Protein backbone atom coordinates (compact mmCIF):
# COMPACT_ATOMS: atom_id res chain seq x y z
CA UNK A 1 59.71 113.27 84.43
CA UNK A 2 62.85 114.28 83.16
CA UNK A 3 64.88 111.65 81.07
CA UNK A 4 68.68 111.40 81.09
CA UNK A 5 69.81 113.82 78.21
CA UNK A 6 66.95 116.43 78.51
CA UNK A 7 68.39 119.14 80.65
CA UNK A 8 69.68 121.89 78.39
CA UNK A 9 72.70 123.59 80.01
CA UNK A 10 73.19 126.57 77.42
CA UNK A 11 70.86 128.87 79.50
CA UNK A 12 72.94 128.40 83.04
CA UNK A 13 75.71 130.82 84.14
CA UNK A 14 79.41 129.22 84.12
CA UNK A 15 79.09 128.98 88.08
CA UNK A 16 75.99 126.75 87.69
CA UNK A 17 77.54 124.74 85.34
CA UNK A 18 80.32 124.36 87.69
CA UNK A 19 78.13 123.17 90.50
CA UNK A 20 75.98 120.80 88.41
CA UNK A 21 78.89 119.25 87.28
CA UNK A 22 80.29 118.86 91.28
CA UNK A 23 76.80 117.55 92.15
CA UNK A 24 75.55 115.29 88.92
CA UNK A 25 75.30 111.40 89.25
CA UNK A 26 77.80 110.58 87.07
CA UNK A 27 76.71 106.94 86.95
CA UNK A 28 72.87 107.71 86.60
CA UNK A 29 72.96 110.20 84.18
CA UNK A 30 75.67 109.53 81.49
CA UNK A 31 74.15 111.74 79.25
CA UNK A 32 73.49 115.12 80.96
CA UNK A 33 77.12 114.52 82.14
CA UNK A 34 78.12 114.59 78.36
CA UNK A 35 75.89 117.62 77.46
CA UNK A 36 77.12 119.23 80.77
CA UNK A 37 80.78 118.79 79.58
CA UNK A 38 80.18 119.72 75.93
CA UNK A 39 78.83 122.79 77.44
CA UNK A 40 81.51 123.72 79.39
CA UNK A 41 83.96 122.97 77.19
CA UNK A 42 82.15 125.39 74.58
CA UNK A 43 82.55 128.41 77.05
CA UNK A 44 86.42 127.27 77.56
CA UNK A 45 85.94 125.68 81.10
CA UNK A 46 87.03 122.31 82.12
CA UNK A 47 85.34 119.92 84.40
CA UNK A 48 85.84 121.07 87.76
CA UNK A 49 86.31 117.40 89.28
CA UNK A 50 88.84 117.00 87.18
CA UNK A 51 90.50 120.31 88.16
CA UNK A 52 90.23 119.18 91.83
CA UNK A 53 92.02 115.93 91.13
CA UNK A 54 94.05 116.32 88.08
CA UNK A 55 95.29 113.47 86.30
CA UNK A 56 94.27 111.18 89.48
CA UNK A 57 92.36 107.99 88.35
CA UNK A 58 89.05 107.37 90.11
CA UNK A 59 90.64 104.10 91.69
CA UNK A 60 92.73 106.72 93.36
CA UNK A 61 90.57 108.82 94.29
CA UNK A 62 88.69 105.68 96.02
CA UNK A 63 91.78 104.52 97.72
CA UNK A 64 92.62 108.23 99.23
CA UNK A 65 89.02 107.80 100.42
CA UNK A 66 89.84 104.78 101.98
CA UNK A 67 92.88 105.73 103.49
CA UNK A 68 91.47 108.70 105.00
CA UNK A 69 88.33 106.72 106.58
CA UNK A 70 91.34 104.23 108.08
CA UNK A 71 93.33 107.12 109.80
CA UNK A 72 89.92 108.79 111.16
CA UNK A 73 89.14 105.15 112.72
CA UNK A 74 92.80 104.93 113.85
CA UNK A 75 92.71 108.44 115.55
CA UNK A 76 89.17 107.73 117.27
CA UNK A 77 90.48 104.46 118.46
CA UNK A 78 93.81 106.20 119.84
CA UNK A 79 91.82 109.01 121.46
CA UNK A 80 89.51 106.37 123.17
CA UNK A 81 92.29 104.40 124.93
CA UNK A 82 94.05 107.46 125.75
CA UNK A 83 91.03 108.74 127.33
CA UNK A 84 90.01 105.32 129.17
CA UNK A 85 94.04 105.57 130.36
CA UNK A 86 94.34 109.25 130.66
CA UNK A 87 96.04 110.20 134.05
CA UNK A 88 94.13 110.99 137.01
CA UNK A 89 94.19 113.01 140.24
CA UNK A 90 94.33 111.31 143.63
CA UNK A 91 91.44 109.33 144.30
CA UNK A 92 89.01 109.98 147.16
CA UNK A 93 86.48 107.87 148.46
CA UNK A 94 82.59 108.28 149.04
CA UNK A 95 80.04 105.89 150.70
CA UNK A 96 77.14 104.98 148.81
CA UNK A 97 74.28 102.50 148.45
CA UNK A 98 73.93 100.54 145.13
CA UNK A 99 69.92 101.34 144.15
CA UNK A 100 70.14 98.49 141.54
CA UNK A 101 70.61 97.97 137.97
CA UNK A 102 69.91 100.10 134.54
CA UNK A 103 70.28 99.00 131.13
CA UNK A 104 71.60 101.28 128.93
CA UNK A 105 72.54 101.14 125.12
CA UNK A 106 73.88 98.09 123.26
CA UNK A 107 73.03 95.65 126.29
CA UNK A 108 75.56 97.87 128.58
CA UNK A 109 74.36 97.36 132.23
CA UNK A 110 75.11 100.31 134.92
CA UNK A 111 74.56 100.25 138.64
CA UNK A 112 72.62 103.25 139.89
CA UNK A 113 74.44 104.65 142.67
CA UNK A 114 73.48 107.22 145.51
CA UNK A 115 76.11 109.05 147.46
CA UNK A 116 75.27 109.13 151.13
CA UNK A 117 77.30 112.28 151.61
CA UNK A 118 75.44 114.46 149.24
CA UNK A 119 72.30 112.42 147.92
CA UNK A 120 74.04 112.39 144.64
CA UNK A 121 72.61 109.88 141.93
CA UNK A 122 75.41 108.50 139.25
CA UNK A 123 75.41 105.29 136.67
CA UNK A 124 78.27 103.51 137.03
CA UNK A 125 79.42 101.12 134.43
CA UNK A 126 78.96 97.40 135.64
CA UNK A 127 82.22 96.24 134.83
CA UNK A 128 83.35 98.13 138.06
CA UNK A 129 83.19 95.03 140.23
CA UNK A 130 83.06 93.59 142.81
CA UNK A 131 79.47 93.30 143.14
CA UNK A 132 76.68 91.07 141.50
CA UNK A 133 73.84 92.34 139.16
CA UNK A 134 71.77 91.77 141.92
CA UNK A 135 73.41 93.36 144.98
CA UNK A 136 71.81 96.32 146.41
CA UNK A 137 73.13 97.64 149.72
CA UNK A 138 76.27 99.95 150.96
CA UNK A 139 79.45 100.27 148.95
CA UNK A 140 82.37 102.65 148.46
CA UNK A 141 83.15 104.42 145.30
CA UNK A 142 86.50 105.67 144.48
CA UNK A 143 86.44 108.81 142.25
CA UNK A 144 89.39 110.38 140.29
CA UNK A 145 89.27 113.40 138.07
CA UNK A 146 91.30 113.11 134.71
CA UNK A 147 93.99 115.57 134.16
CA UNK A 148 93.03 115.75 130.02
CA UNK A 149 89.31 115.97 130.30
CA UNK A 150 88.52 116.78 133.68
CA UNK A 151 85.77 114.13 133.75
CA UNK A 152 85.41 111.48 136.90
CA UNK A 153 86.77 107.98 136.64
CA UNK A 154 85.35 105.49 139.40
CA UNK A 155 86.27 102.29 140.80
CA UNK A 156 83.94 100.60 143.63
CA UNK A 157 84.94 98.62 146.45
CA UNK A 158 82.99 97.04 149.15
CA UNK A 159 84.13 100.08 151.82
CA UNK A 160 86.37 103.27 151.97
CA UNK A 161 88.69 101.55 154.35
CA UNK A 162 89.94 99.20 151.68
CA UNK A 163 92.41 100.40 149.42
CA UNK A 164 91.60 102.21 146.49
CA UNK A 165 91.21 99.61 143.40
CA UNK A 166 94.39 99.62 140.82
CA UNK A 167 93.31 100.51 137.16
């Protein structure tokens, strides 16, 4: 087994040295890193990691990564909210039959419904009330299409003659 400090970097090309410098585990192999940096210096090159972040301390790089992660999470949350509240087309109603409840991931429950118009089966989130978990039978499904995504949005009611449920 190769020990820390056993790797001879003299036979490697400058490009291989730079790649090794970017990929080496600096905490686990400090002697190999020292030998690698010495070989880079002997060839008149510098540590490519310090070139990417010149004069930037490691704590600053960590803070930048954390800030990036927070911004990505905020962007995802905003996009999710926008999709959930996107403007939709005028809703239309289809008579359906609730077949039962299916279990989804993370304990999410879905009504399995079948359109009486074209026998199409859909899974509708059970948060679309007014039906209890045990209910099977006739119902109405209000469908609208999102103007941003083109995906269908669903609301359920007892019958199509009812006014469409509000958001």
